[in-house]
C-alpha atoms as a PDB file:
ATOM      1  CA  MET A   1       0.000   0.000   0.000  1.00  0.00           C
ATOM      2  CA  THR A   2       1.393   3.411  -0.921  1.00  0.00           C
ATOM      3  CA  ARG A   3       2.066   6.029   1.715  1.00  0.00           C
ATOM      4  CA  SER A   4      -0.665   8.422   0.478  1.00  0.00           C
ATOM      5  CA  ARG A   5      -3.231   5.608   0.442  1.00  0.00           C
ATOM      6  CA  LYS A   6      -2.279   4.664   4.027  1.00  0.00           C
ATOM      7  CA  ASN A   7      -2.724   8.275   5.143  1.00  0.00           C
ATOM      8  CA  ARG A   8      -6.106   8.506   3.410  1.00  0.00           C
ATOM      9  CA  THR A   9      -7.215   5.227   5.019  1.00  0.00           C
ATOM     10  CA  ARG A  10      -6.179   6.498   8.457  1.00  0.00           C
ATOM     11  CA  ARG A  11      -8.069   9.768   7.882  1.00  0.00           C
ATOM     12  CA  VAL A  12     -11.241   7.919   6.841  1.00  0.00           C
ATOM     13  CA  ARG A  13     -11.014   5.643   9.895  1.00  0.00           C
ATOM     14  CA  TYR A  14     -10.480   8.671  12.146  1.00  0.00           C
ATOM     15  CA  LEU A  15     -13.452  10.510  10.663  1.00  0.00           C
ATOM     16  CA  THR A  16     -15.783   7.516  10.916  1.00  0.00           C
ATOM     17  CA  ARG A  17     -14.980   6.686  14.541  1.00  0.00           C
ATOM     18  CA  LYS A  18     -17.385   8.074  17.093  1.00  0.00           C
ATOM     19  CA  PRO A  19     -15.725  10.326  19.651  1.00  0.00           C
ATOM     20  CA  SER A  20     -15.591   8.966  23.191  1.00  0.00           C
ATOM     21  CA  THR A  21     -17.770  10.381  25.937  1.00  0.00           C
ATOM     22  CA  ALA A  22     -14.654  11.836  27.571  1.00  0.00           C
ATOM     23  CA  ARG A  23     -13.698  13.572  24.299  1.00  0.00           C
ATOM     24  CA  LEU A  24     -17.200  15.018  23.898  1.00  0.00           C
ATOM     25  CA  ASP A  25     -17.188  16.244  27.503  1.00  0.00           C
ATOM     26  CA  ALA A  26     -13.817  17.933  26.877  1.00  0.00           C
ATOM     27  CA  LEU A  27     -15.159  19.648  23.752  1.00  0.00           C
ATOM     28  CA  VAL A  28     -18.244  20.875  25.607  1.00  0.00           C
ATOM     29  CA  GLU A  29     -16.083  22.191  28.443  1.00  0.00           C
ATOM     30  CA  GLU A  30     -13.847  24.016  25.949  1.00  0.00           C
ATOM     31  CA  ALA A  31     -16.875  25.663  24.316  1.00  0.00           C
ATOM     32  CA  ILE A  32     -18.663  26.765  27.493  1.00  0.00           C
ATOM     33  CA  VAL A  33     -15.756  27.540  29.822  1.00  0.00           C
ATOM     34  CA  ASP A  34     -16.638  31.247  30.237  1.00  0.00           C
ATOM     35  CA  ALA A  35     -20.366  30.996  29.519  1.00  0.00           C
ATOM     36  CA  TYR A  36     -23.131  31.634  32.014  1.00  0.00           C
ATOM     37  CA  GLY A  37     -26.568  30.193  31.380  1.00  0.00           C
ATOM     38  CA  ASP A  38     -27.935  28.134  28.521  1.00  0.00           C
ATOM     39  CA  ALA A  39     -28.003  30.941  25.944  1.00  0.00           C
ATOM     40  CA  GLU A  40     -24.306  31.773  26.381  1.00  0.00           C
ATOM     41  CA  GLN A  41     -23.376  28.090  26.416  1.00  0.00           C
ATOM     42  CA  ARG A  42     -25.339  27.442  23.211  1.00  0.00           C
ATOM     43  CA  SER A  43     -23.643  30.472  21.648  1.00  0.00           C
ATOM     44  CA  GLY A  44     -20.235  29.087  22.640  1.00  0.00           C
ATOM     45  CA  LEU A  45     -21.040  25.724  21.084  1.00  0.00           C
ATOM     46  CA  SER A  46     -22.356  27.414  17.943  1.00  0.00           C
ATOM     47  CA  THR A  47     -19.136  29.392  17.612  1.00  0.00           C
ATOM     48  CA  MET A  48     -16.998  26.261  17.948  1.00  0.00           C
ATOM     49  CA  ILE A  49     -19.108  24.419  15.365  1.00  0.00           C
ATOM     50  CA  GLU A  50     -18.803  27.355  12.948  1.00  0.00           C
ATOM     51  CA  GLU A  51     -15.021  27.489  13.466  1.00  0.00           C
ATOM     52  CA  HIS A  52     -14.269  23.765  13.246  1.00  0.00           C
ATOM     53  CA  LEU A  53     -16.842  22.169  10.942  1.00  0.00           C
ATOM     54  CA  GLU A  54     -15.413  21.802   7.445  1.00  0.00           C
ATOM     55  CA  LEU A  55     -17.809  23.568   5.093  1.00  0.00           C
ATOM     56  CA  PRO A  56     -19.275  23.256   2.557  1.00  0.00           C
ATOM     57  CA  PHE A  57     -20.200  19.570   2.406  1.00  0.00           C
ATOM     58  CA  GLU A  58     -22.886  17.525   0.713  1.00  0.00           C
ATOM     59  CA  THR A  59     -25.484  15.410   2.458  1.00  0.00           C
ATOM     60  CA  LYS A  60     -29.001  14.174   1.802  1.00  0.00           C
ATOM     61  CA  VAL A  61     -32.098  15.740   3.336  1.00  0.00           C
ATOM     62  CA  LEU A  62     -35.376  13.947   2.620  1.00  0.00           C
ATOM     63  CA  GLY A  63     -33.676  12.007  -0.153  1.00  0.00           C
ATOM     64  CA  GLN A  64     -32.364  15.104  -1.950  1.00  0.00           C
ATOM     65  CA  THR A  65     -28.703  16.032  -2.164  1.00  0.00           C
ATOM     66  CA  VAL A  66     -28.032  19.409  -0.569  1.00  0.00           C
ATOM     67  CA  VAL A  67     -24.946  21.456   0.154  1.00  0.00           C
ATOM     68  CA  VAL A  68     -24.491  22.642   3.726  1.00  0.00           C
ATOM     69  CA  GLU A  69     -23.126  26.159   3.255  1.00  0.00           C
ATOM     70  CA  ARG A  70     -22.949  27.443   6.817  1.00  0.00           C
ATOM     71  CA  VAL A  71     -24.147  27.040  10.383  1.00  0.00           C
ATOM     72  CA  GLU A  72     -26.078  29.775  12.185  1.00  0.00           C
ATOM     73  CA  LEU A  73     -27.527  30.523  15.588  1.00  0.00           C
ATOM     74  CA  THR A  74     -31.100  31.765  15.081  1.00  0.00           C
ATOM     75  CA  ASP A  75     -32.900  34.446  17.064  1.00  0.00           C
ATOM     76  CA  ALA A  76     -34.752  31.564  18.765  1.00  0.00           C
ATOM     77  CA  ASP A  77     -31.383  30.204  20.034  1.00  0.00           C
ATOM     78  CA  GLU A  78     -31.436  27.188  17.720  1.00  0.00           C
ATOM     79  CA  ILE A  79     -28.343  26.062  15.855  1.00  0.00           C
ATOM     80  CA  VAL A  80     -29.246  25.385  12.222  1.00  0.00           C
ATOM     81  CA  ALA A  81     -27.469  24.312   9.057  1.00  0.00           C
ATOM     82  CA  VAL A  82     -28.166  26.436   5.999  1.00  0.00           C
ATOM     83  CA  CYS A  83     -28.644  23.948   3.157  1.00  0.00           C
ATOM     84  CA  CYS A  84     -29.017  24.754  -0.521  1.00  0.00           C
ATOM     85  CA  SER A  85     -30.139  22.852  -3.550  1.00  0.00           C
ATOM     86  CA  GLY A  86     -30.066  24.910  -6.729  1.00  0.00           C
ATOM     87  CA  LYS A  87     -31.700  28.261  -5.991  1.00  0.00           C
ATOM     88  CA  HIS A  88     -33.482  26.981  -2.866  1.00  0.00           C
ATOM     89  CA  ARG A  89     -32.187  27.459   0.667  1.00  0.00           C
ATOM     90  CA  GLN A  90     -33.532  25.817   3.803  1.00  0.00           C
ATOM     91  CA  ARG A  91     -32.522  26.017   7.436  1.00  0.00           C
ATOM     92  CA  VAL A  92     -32.401  22.573   9.025  1.00  0.00           C
ATOM     93  CA  PRO A  93     -31.985  22.172  12.794  1.00  0.00           C
ATOM     94  CA  LEU A  94     -28.461  20.861  13.291  1.00  0.00           C
ATOM     95  CA  LEU A  95     -29.784  18.005  15.408  1.00  0.00           C
ATOM     96  CA  ASP A  96     -31.940  16.825  12.471  1.00  0.00           C
ATOM     97  CA  LEU A  97     -29.192  17.079   9.862  1.00  0.00           C
ATOM     98  CA  PRO A  98     -28.054  13.682   8.568  1.00  0.00           C
ATOM     99  CA  LEU A  99     -24.281  13.625   8.147  1.00  0.00           C
ATOM    100  CA  PRO A 100     -22.579  11.981   5.184  1.00  0.00           C
ATOM    101  CA  LYS A 101     -20.258   9.018   5.599  1.00  0.00           C
ATOM    102  CA  PRO A 102     -17.518   9.767   6.265  1.00  0.00           C
ATOM    103  CA  PRO A 103     -18.589  12.911   8.117  1.00  0.00           C
ATOM    104  CA  PRO A 104     -16.808  16.185   7.438  1.00  0.00           C
ATOM    105  CA  ALA A 105     -13.890  17.200   9.612  1.00  0.00           C
ATOM    106  CA  GLY A 106     -15.115  18.900  12.771  1.00  0.00           C
ATOM    107  CA  ALA A 107     -18.332  16.863  12.967  1.00  0.00           C
ATOM    108  CA  GLU A 108     -17.388  15.862  16.517  1.00  0.00           C
ATOM    109  CA  TRP A 109     -18.532  19.365  17.535  1.00  0.00           C
ATOM    110  CA  ILE A 110     -22.062  18.441  16.418  1.00  0.00           C
ATOM    111  CA  ALA A 111     -21.821  15.326  18.608  1.00  0.00           C
ATOM    112  CA  ALA A 112     -20.628  17.535  21.483  1.00  0.00           C
ATOM    113  CA  TYR A 113     -23.659  19.786  20.987  1.00  0.00           C
ATOM    114  CA  ARG A 114     -25.923  16.728  21.133  1.00  0.00           C
ATOM    115  CA  ARG A 115     -24.162  15.602  24.324  1.00  0.00           C
ATOM    116  CA  TRP A 116     -24.614  19.052  25.874  1.00  0.00           C
ATOM    117  CA  LEU A 117     -28.335  18.812  25.147  1.00  0.00           C
ATOM    118  CA  GLY A 118     -28.385  15.457  26.911  1.00  0.00           C
ATOM    119  CA  GLY A 119     -28.997  13.322  23.850  1.00  0.00           C
END
């Protein structure tokens, strides 16, 4: 096996492994370290997701291929993915967004957000 193929195989394995509970707890702690209350904590997690999630990426929503362009925190304090397909754009709650396999780099921050919510 060539060196580049080995590196690609390692990257795919790394991206497909689920992060441990300890890793998710560490990510949550990093995001909310200076935050008080749920709104500030959610904002901290949103910021970390925006900074670390590799965008854009393709996934399927209701059987249709979409491109996730960005992640936003709405006025209702919900973290959403802005998905587009052609000229159409739709905000999908991040918790409802199916991730492709392998997931994009930084997807562990979405798992950390789920953990923070208790799910």
